[in-house]
Amino acid sequence: MDPAPASLSSRRRRATELEIAETAARLLAENGPAGVTVENIAAEAGVGLRTFYRYFRSKYDAIAPLLTVGAADWRETIAHSELPIVDAIDEAIRAALTVQTDRDRQRLDEVLSLLEVVATDPDLASVWLRVNQESEAQLQQIIAATHGSDAPEPFQDRLLAAAATIAMRVAMETWSLGLNDPRDGSVAEAAGRGFRSLVGRDASPTTGSRKPLS
C-alpha cells in the first residue's frame, strides 16, 4: 500500500527546514564555519531564532536536510524495483545523482560546494557521516525486505547497503574536490561505477527471487 500523501503542515515544515538548510549550506560554503552564526543563518533564511532551534540544534545540524535530499527517493526506487537487487541499486544510484533540471544542478552544486568545507571541518564532517550511516541502515532494511520467500542474509544485506552508500559518498566527496576520474563524465557515473566495482560487475542478487515492496 502506498503511503498517505503528506499533510499541508508537514509539507510546509519540510519546505521551511530545507530552506534553512540551503541557506546554512550556502553561508558555510562561502564563509566557513568560523564566519557563520546561527543568527546569520536565521536572518538570511527569514526566520526567527526560535524557529531555527525548533528545527535544528546548531549551525552544523542545519546542513543535514540538504545532504539527505534525494536519499528517500533512491531508496524508494530500490524498494519498488523488480530488477535483481544489485541492478536495482545501481540504477537508483545513477538516477539519484543524474541532473535533469536546473534545480537538480543547483542543488547538486550546493552539496558539492558544501562538501569542500566538510572535508576541512570535523563538526560538519560528523553530520555528513551520520547522514550516511542513517541512509545505510535504512537501505539495509529495504534490501532485507526484498527477498521474497527467501530468508534474509543480514551480513550480505549490510555489505550491499554499505557499498551503495560508500560509492555515493566517495563519488560526491571526490568530485567536490576536483579529484574525479577523467573516465567519469558526471558524479552519477562515478557513483555507479564505484558501486559496481565494489560488488563485482557480474554480481547476482543476494538470494534467489526478490519482490518489490508494496
C-alpha atoms as a PDB file:
ATOM      1  CA  MET A   1       0.000   0.000   0.000  1.00  0.00           C
ATOM      2  CA  ASP A   2       1.339   3.417  -0.936  1.00  0.00           C
ATOM      3  CA  PRO A   3       1.890   5.832   1.967  1.00  0.00           C
ATOM      4  CA  ALA A   4      -0.680   8.574   2.506  1.00  0.00           C
ATOM      5  CA  PRO A   5       0.199  11.959   0.999  1.00  0.00           C
ATOM      6  CA  ALA A   6       1.980  14.299   3.375  1.00  0.00           C
ATOM      7  CA  SER A   7      -0.255  16.842   5.071  1.00  0.00           C
ATOM      8  CA  LEU A   8      -0.038  20.521   4.159  1.00  0.00           C
ATOM      9  CA  SER A   9       1.557  21.337   7.515  1.00  0.00           C
ATOM     10  CA  SER A  10       4.084  18.559   7.018  1.00  0.00           C
ATOM     11  CA  ARG A  11       4.985  19.845   3.555  1.00  0.00           C
ATOM     12  CA  ARG A  12       5.346  23.381   4.886  1.00  0.00           C
ATOM     13  CA  ARG A  13       7.562  22.154   7.695  1.00  0.00           C
ATOM     14  CA  ARG A  14       9.719  20.258   5.237  1.00  0.00           C
ATOM     15  CA  ALA A  15       9.946  23.293   2.930  1.00  0.00           C
ATOM     16  CA  THR A  16      10.994  25.553   5.820  1.00  0.00           C
ATOM     17  CA  GLU A  17      13.517  23.007   7.041  1.00  0.00           C
ATOM     18  CA  LEU A  18      15.041  22.686   3.585  1.00  0.00           C
ATOM     19  CA  GLU A  19      15.125  26.455   3.066  1.00  0.00           C
ATOM     20  CA  ILE A  20      17.056  26.890   6.299  1.00  0.00           C
ATOM     21  CA  ALA A  21      19.379  24.034   5.317  1.00  0.00           C
ATOM     22  CA  GLU A  22      20.105  25.529   1.905  1.00  0.00           C
ATOM     23  CA  THR A  23      20.811  28.899   3.479  1.00  0.00           C
ATOM     24  CA  ALA A  24      23.124  27.328   6.058  1.00  0.00           C
ATOM     25  CA  ALA A  25      24.969  25.370   3.380  1.00  0.00           C
ATOM     26  CA  ARG A  26      25.480  28.429   1.204  1.00  0.00           C
ATOM     27  CA  LEU A  27      26.753  30.590   4.064  1.00  0.00           C
ATOM     28  CA  LEU A  28      29.023  27.865   5.398  1.00  0.00           C
ATOM     29  CA  ALA A  29      30.445  27.188   1.942  1.00  0.00           C
ATOM     30  CA  GLU A  30      31.044  30.903   1.321  1.00  0.00           C
ATOM     31  CA  ASN A  31      32.374  31.928   4.744  1.00  0.00           C
ATOM     32  CA  GLY A  32      33.478  28.767   6.514  1.00  0.00           C
ATOM     33  CA  PRO A  33      32.062  27.614   9.872  1.00  0.00           C
ATOM     34  CA  ALA A  34      34.014  30.232  11.849  1.00  0.00           C
ATOM     35  CA  GLY A  35      32.412  33.014   9.820  1.00  0.00           C
ATOM     36  CA  VAL A  36      28.803  31.902  10.261  1.00  0.00           C
ATOM     37  CA  THR A  37      26.491  32.023  13.276  1.00  0.00           C
ATOM     38  CA  VAL A  38      23.009  30.690  13.868  1.00  0.00           C
ATOM     39  CA  GLU A  39      21.839  34.315  13.876  1.00  0.00           C
ATOM     40  CA  ASN A  40      23.312  34.793  10.380  1.00  0.00           C
ATOM     41  CA  ILE A  41      21.532  31.716   9.057  1.00  0.00           C
ATOM     42  CA  ALA A  42      18.181  32.586  10.624  1.00  0.00           C
ATOM     43  CA  ALA A  43      18.269  36.163   9.360  1.00  0.00           C
ATOM     44  CA  GLU A  44      19.262  35.132   5.842  1.00  0.00           C
ATOM     45  CA  ALA A  45      16.544  32.439   5.772  1.00  0.00           C
ATOM     46  CA  GLY A  46      13.952  34.910   7.048  1.00  0.00           C
ATOM     47  CA  VAL A  47      13.087  33.018  10.237  1.00  0.00           C
ATOM     48  CA  GLY A  48      13.425  33.819  13.919  1.00  0.00           C
ATOM     49  CA  LEU A  49      15.883  32.143  16.245  1.00  0.00           C
ATOM     50  CA  ARG A  50      13.059  30.287  17.955  1.00  0.00           C
ATOM     51  CA  THR A  51      12.017  28.819  14.610  1.00  0.00           C
ATOM     52  CA  PHE A  52      15.599  27.856  13.794  1.00  0.00           C
ATOM     53  CA  TYR A  53      16.018  25.993  17.078  1.00  0.00           C
ATOM     54  CA  ARG A  54      12.678  24.284  16.575  1.00  0.00           C
ATOM     55  CA  TYR A  55      14.281  22.514  13.630  1.00  0.00           C
ATOM     56  CA  PHE A  56      17.978  22.316  14.475  1.00  0.00           C
ATOM     57  CA  ARG A  57      20.281  22.202  17.475  1.00  0.00           C
ATOM     58  CA  SER A  58      23.193  24.003  15.836  1.00  0.00           C
ATOM     59  CA  LYS A  59      24.501  25.546  12.633  1.00  0.00           C
ATOM     60  CA  TYR A  60      26.158  22.200  11.893  1.00  0.00           C
ATOM     61  CA  ASP A  61      22.961  20.163  12.200  1.00  0.00           C
ATOM     62  CA  ALA A  62      21.255  22.599   9.850  1.00  0.00           C
ATOM     63  CA  ILE A  63      23.007  21.115   6.802  1.00  0.00           C
ATOM     64  CA  ALA A  64      21.589  17.602   7.264  1.00  0.00           C
ATOM     65  CA  PRO A  65      18.323  18.038   5.303  1.00  0.00           C
ATOM     66  CA  LEU A  66      20.214  19.248   2.244  1.00  0.00           C
ATOM     67  CA  LEU A  67      22.526  16.249   2.399  1.00  0.00           C
ATOM     68  CA  THR A  68      19.600  13.836   2.590  1.00  0.00           C
ATOM     69  CA  VAL A  69      17.619  15.332  -0.308  1.00  0.00           C
ATOM     70  CA  GLY A  70      17.048  12.562  -2.831  1.00  0.00           C
ATOM     71  CA  ALA A  71      18.025   9.768  -0.433  1.00  0.00           C
ATOM     72  CA  ALA A  72      14.418   8.809   0.244  1.00  0.00           C
ATOM     73  CA  ASP A  73      13.704   8.774  -3.490  1.00  0.00           C
ATOM     74  CA  TRP A  74      16.548   6.439  -4.361  1.00  0.00           C
ATOM     75  CA  ARG A  75      15.690   4.074  -1.531  1.00  0.00           C
ATOM     76  CA  GLU A  76      12.059   4.113  -2.663  1.00  0.00           C
ATOM     77  CA  THR A  77      13.144   3.316  -6.226  1.00  0.00           C
ATOM     78  CA  ILE A  78      15.065   0.291  -4.979  1.00  0.00           C
ATOM     79  CA  ALA A  79      12.166  -0.860  -2.829  1.00  0.00           C
ATOM     80  CA  HIS A  80       9.752  -0.918  -5.773  1.00  0.00           C
ATOM     81  CA  SER A  81      12.091  -2.248  -8.441  1.00  0.00           C
ATOM     82  CA  GLU A  82      11.686  -5.749  -9.828  1.00  0.00           C
ATOM     83  CA  LEU A  83      15.304  -5.878 -11.019  1.00  0.00           C
ATOM     84  CA  PRO A  84      17.878  -8.056  -9.254  1.00  0.00           C
ATOM     85  CA  ILE A  85      18.973  -6.153  -6.182  1.00  0.00           C
ATOM     86  CA  VAL A  86      22.441  -5.187  -7.448  1.00  0.00           C
ATOM     87  CA  ASP A  87      20.991  -3.820 -10.691  1.00  0.00           C
ATOM     88  CA  ALA A  88      18.210  -2.036  -8.818  1.00  0.00           C
ATOM     89  CA  ILE A  89      20.704  -0.305  -6.535  1.00  0.00           C
ATOM     90  CA  ASP A  90      22.964   0.611  -9.448  1.00  0.00           C
ATOM     91  CA  GLU A  91      20.044   2.110 -11.373  1.00  0.00           C
ATOM     92  CA  ALA A  92      18.787   4.041  -8.334  1.00  0.00           C
ATOM     93  CA  ILE A  93      22.217   5.474  -7.515  1.00  0.00           C
ATOM     94  CA  ARG A  94      22.664   6.798 -11.029  1.00  0.00           C
ATOM     95  CA  ALA A  95      19.127   8.195 -11.156  1.00  0.00           C
ATOM     96  CA  ALA A  96      19.528   9.969  -7.805  1.00  0.00           C
ATOM     97  CA  LEU A  97      22.639  11.842  -8.962  1.00  0.00           C
ATOM     98  CA  THR A  98      21.655  12.486 -12.568  1.00  0.00           C
ATOM     99  CA  VAL A  99      20.991  16.149 -13.311  1.00  0.00           C
ATOM    100  CA  GLN A 100      17.743  16.578 -15.237  1.00  0.00           C
ATOM    101  CA  THR A 101      16.654  20.106 -14.395  1.00  0.00           C
ATOM    102  CA  ASP A 102      18.233  23.430 -13.497  1.00  0.00           C
ATOM    103  CA  ARG A 103      17.031  22.833  -9.934  1.00  0.00           C
ATOM    104  CA  ASP A 104      18.833  19.480  -9.850  1.00  0.00           C
ATOM    105  CA  ARG A 105      22.016  21.201 -10.993  1.00  0.00           C
ATOM    106  CA  GLN A 106      21.666  23.959  -8.399  1.00  0.00           C
ATOM    107  CA  ARG A 107      21.083  21.531  -5.548  1.00  0.00           C
ATOM    108  CA  LEU A 108      23.947  19.248  -6.576  1.00  0.00           C
ATOM    109  CA  ASP A 109      26.269  22.239  -6.857  1.00  0.00           C
ATOM    110  CA  GLU A 110      25.190  23.375  -3.384  1.00  0.00           C
ATOM    111  CA  VAL A 111      26.020  19.988  -1.906  1.00  0.00           C
ATOM    112  CA  LEU A 112      29.358  19.724  -3.696  1.00  0.00           C
ATOM    113  CA  SER A 113      30.362  23.228  -2.576  1.00  0.00           C
ATOM    114  CA  LEU A 114      29.426  22.327   0.981  1.00  0.00           C
ATOM    115  CA  LEU A 115      31.424  19.097   0.849  1.00  0.00           C
ATOM    116  CA  GLU A 116      34.560  21.117   0.119  1.00  0.00           C
ATOM    117  CA  VAL A 117      34.113  22.696   3.542  1.00  0.00           C
ATOM    118  CA  VAL A 118      33.058  19.406   5.162  1.00  0.00           C
ATOM    119  CA  ALA A 119      36.444  17.968   4.222  1.00  0.00           C
ATOM    120  CA  THR A 120      38.179  20.508   6.483  1.00  0.00           C
ATOM    121  CA  ASP A 121      35.778  20.787   9.431  1.00  0.00           C
ATOM    122  CA  PRO A 122      35.277  17.943  11.960  1.00  0.00           C
ATOM    123  CA  ASP A 123      31.860  19.157  13.130  1.00  0.00           C
ATOM    124  CA  LEU A 124      30.428  19.295   9.609  1.00  0.00           C
ATOM    125  CA  ALA A 125      32.121  16.001   8.776  1.00  0.00           C
ATOM    126  CA  SER A 126      30.404  14.305  11.722  1.00  0.00           C
ATOM    127  CA  VAL A 127      26.991  15.403  10.404  1.00  0.00           C
ATOM    128  CA  TRP A 128      27.858  14.138   6.910  1.00  0.00           C
ATOM    129  CA  LEU A 129      28.968  10.761   8.284  1.00  0.00           C
ATOM    130  CA  ARG A 130      25.857  10.497  10.461  1.00  0.00           C
ATOM    131  CA  VAL A 131      23.630  11.138   7.448  1.00  0.00           C
ATOM    132  CA  ASN A 132      25.417   8.385   5.540  1.00  0.00           C
ATOM    133  CA  GLN A 133      25.149   5.926   8.430  1.00  0.00           C
ATOM    134  CA  GLU A 134      21.421   6.557   8.721  1.00  0.00           C
ATOM    135  CA  SER A 135      20.979   6.119   4.981  1.00  0.00           C
ATOM    136  CA  GLU A 136      22.913   2.852   5.055  1.00  0.00           C
ATOM    137  CA  ALA A 137      20.772   1.470   7.883  1.00  0.00           C
ATOM    138  CA  GLN A 138      17.547   2.377   6.070  1.00  0.00           C
ATOM    139  CA  LEU A 139      18.799   0.853   2.826  1.00  0.00           C
ATOM    140  CA  GLN A 140      19.755  -2.350   4.617  1.00  0.00           C
ATOM    141  CA  GLN A 141      16.168  -2.704   5.834  1.00  0.00           C
ATOM    142  CA  ILE A 142      14.851  -2.247   2.303  1.00  0.00           C
ATOM    143  CA  ILE A 143      17.250  -4.849   0.913  1.00  0.00           C
ATOM    144  CA  ALA A 144      16.267  -7.318   3.632  1.00  0.00           C
ATOM    145  CA  ALA A 145      12.588  -6.842   2.779  1.00  0.00           C
ATOM    146  CA  THR A 146      13.057  -7.728  -0.896  1.00  0.00           C
ATOM    147  CA  HIS A 147      13.996 -11.376  -0.518  1.00  0.00           C
ATOM    148  CA  GLY A 148      10.525 -12.714  -1.257  1.00  0.00           C
ATOM    149  CA  SER A 149      10.180 -16.146   0.298  1.00  0.00           C
ATOM    150  CA  ASP A 150      13.910 -16.458   0.929  1.00  0.00           C
ATOM    151  CA  ALA A 151      15.410 -15.848   4.333  1.00  0.00           C
ATOM    152  CA  PRO A 152      17.234 -12.527   4.681  1.00  0.00           C
ATOM    153  CA  GLU A 153      21.029 -12.580   4.812  1.00  0.00           C
ATOM    154  CA  PRO A 154      21.944  -9.810   7.278  1.00  0.00           C
ATOM    155  CA  PHE A 155      25.672  -9.823   6.557  1.00  0.00           C
ATOM    156  CA  GLN A 156      25.266  -9.718   2.767  1.00  0.00           C
ATOM    157  CA  ASP A 157      22.449  -7.169   3.031  1.00  0.00           C
ATOM    158  CA  ARG A 158      24.623  -4.882   5.103  1.00  0.00           C
ATOM    159  CA  LEU A 159      27.544  -5.232   2.692  1.00  0.00           C
ATOM    160  CA  LEU A 160      25.342  -4.197  -0.238  1.00  0.00           C
ATOM    161  CA  ALA A 161      23.902  -1.260   1.697  1.00  0.00           C
ATOM    162  CA  ALA A 162      27.397  -0.182   2.747  1.00  0.00           C
ATOM    163  CA  ALA A 163      28.735  -0.483  -0.809  1.00  0.00           C
ATOM    164  CA  ALA A 164      25.924   1.680  -2.186  1.00  0.00           C
ATOM    165  CA  THR A 165      26.323   4.323   0.498  1.00  0.00           C
ATOM    166  CA  ILE A 166      30.101   4.404   0.251  1.00  0.00           C
ATOM    167  CA  ALA A 167      30.024   4.645  -3.550  1.00  0.00           C
ATOM    168  CA  MET A 168      27.747   7.690  -3.422  1.00  0.00           C
ATOM    169  CA  ARG A 169      29.665   9.317  -0.568  1.00  0.00           C
ATOM    170  CA  VAL A 170      33.101   8.857  -2.074  1.00  0.00           C
ATOM    171  CA  ALA A 171      31.968   9.911  -5.545  1.00  0.00           C
ATOM    172  CA  MET A 172      30.491  13.143  -4.212  1.00  0.00           C
ATOM    173  CA  GLU A 173      33.457  13.900  -1.940  1.00  0.00           C
ATOM    174  CA  THR A 174      35.973  13.210  -4.700  1.00  0.00           C
ATOM    175  CA  TRP A 175      34.032  15.261  -7.233  1.00  0.00           C
ATOM    176  CA  SER A 176      33.703  18.178  -4.822  1.00  0.00           C
ATOM    177  CA  LEU A 177      37.497  18.344  -4.510  1.00  0.00           C
ATOM    178  CA  GLY A 178      38.095  18.104  -8.255  1.00  0.00           C
ATOM    179  CA  LEU A 179      39.823  14.725  -7.919  1.00  0.00           C
ATOM    180  CA  ASN A 180      37.360  12.768 -10.032  1.00  0.00           C
ATOM    181  CA  ASP A 181      38.476  10.138 -12.531  1.00  0.00           C
ATOM    182  CA  PRO A 182      38.574  11.532 -16.106  1.00  0.00           C
ATOM    183  CA  ARG A 183      36.648   8.440 -17.241  1.00  0.00           C
ATOM    184  CA  ASP A 184      33.603   9.680 -15.361  1.00  0.00           C
ATOM    185  CA  GLY A 185      31.556  12.347 -17.068  1.00  0.00           C
ATOM    186  CA  SER A 186      29.376  13.000 -14.037  1.00  0.00           C
ATOM    187  CA  VAL A 187      29.003  12.291 -10.339  1.00  0.00           C
ATOM    188  CA  ALA A 188      26.284   9.777 -11.243  1.00  0.00           C
ATOM    189  CA  GLU A 189      28.654   7.827 -13.466  1.00  0.00           C
ATOM    190  CA  ALA A 190      31.361   7.873 -10.801  1.00  0.00           C
ATOM    191  CA  ALA A 191      28.994   6.591  -8.108  1.00  0.00           C
ATOM    192  CA  GLY A 192      27.554   3.896 -10.358  1.00  0.00           C
ATOM    193  CA  ARG A 193      30.995   2.710 -11.454  1.00  0.00           C
ATOM    194  CA  GLY A 194      32.189   2.748  -7.858  1.00  0.00           C
ATOM    195  CA  PHE A 195      29.277   0.629  -6.679  1.00  0.00           C
ATOM    196  CA  ARG A 196      29.740  -1.940  -9.439  1.00  0.00           C
ATOM    197  CA  SER A 197      33.447  -2.183  -8.700  1.00  0.00           C
ATOM    198  CA  LEU A 198      32.750  -2.808  -5.017  1.00  0.00           C
ATOM    199  CA  VAL A 199      30.211  -5.583  -5.575  1.00  0.00           C
ATOM    200  CA  GLY A 200      31.528  -7.006  -8.863  1.00  0.00           C
ATOM    201  CA  ARG A 201      30.015  -6.160 -12.221  1.00  0.00           C
ATOM    202  CA  ASP A 202      28.559  -9.631 -12.601  1.00  0.00           C
ATOM    203  CA  ALA A 203      27.253  -9.836  -9.047  1.00  0.00           C
ATOM    204  CA  SER A 204      23.965 -11.667  -8.703  1.00  0.00           C
ATOM    205  CA  PRO A 205      21.092 -10.963  -6.280  1.00  0.00           C
ATOM    206  CA  THR A 206      21.795 -11.775  -2.653  1.00  0.00           C
ATOM    207  CA  THR A 207      19.273 -14.619  -2.706  1.00  0.00           C
ATOM    208  CA  GLY A 208      17.119 -16.206  -5.373  1.00  0.00           C
ATOM    209  CA  SER A 209      13.906 -14.341  -6.077  1.00  0.00           C
ATOM    210  CA  ARG A 210      13.039 -10.881  -4.979  1.00  0.00           C
ATOM    211  CA  LYS A 211       9.815  -8.968  -4.748  1.00  0.00           C
ATOM    212  CA  PRO A 212       9.196  -5.219  -4.812  1.00  0.00           C
ATOM    213  CA  LEU A 213       7.765  -3.702  -1.643  1.00  0.00           C
ATOM    214  CA  SER A 214       4.094  -2.815  -1.908  1.00  0.00           C
END
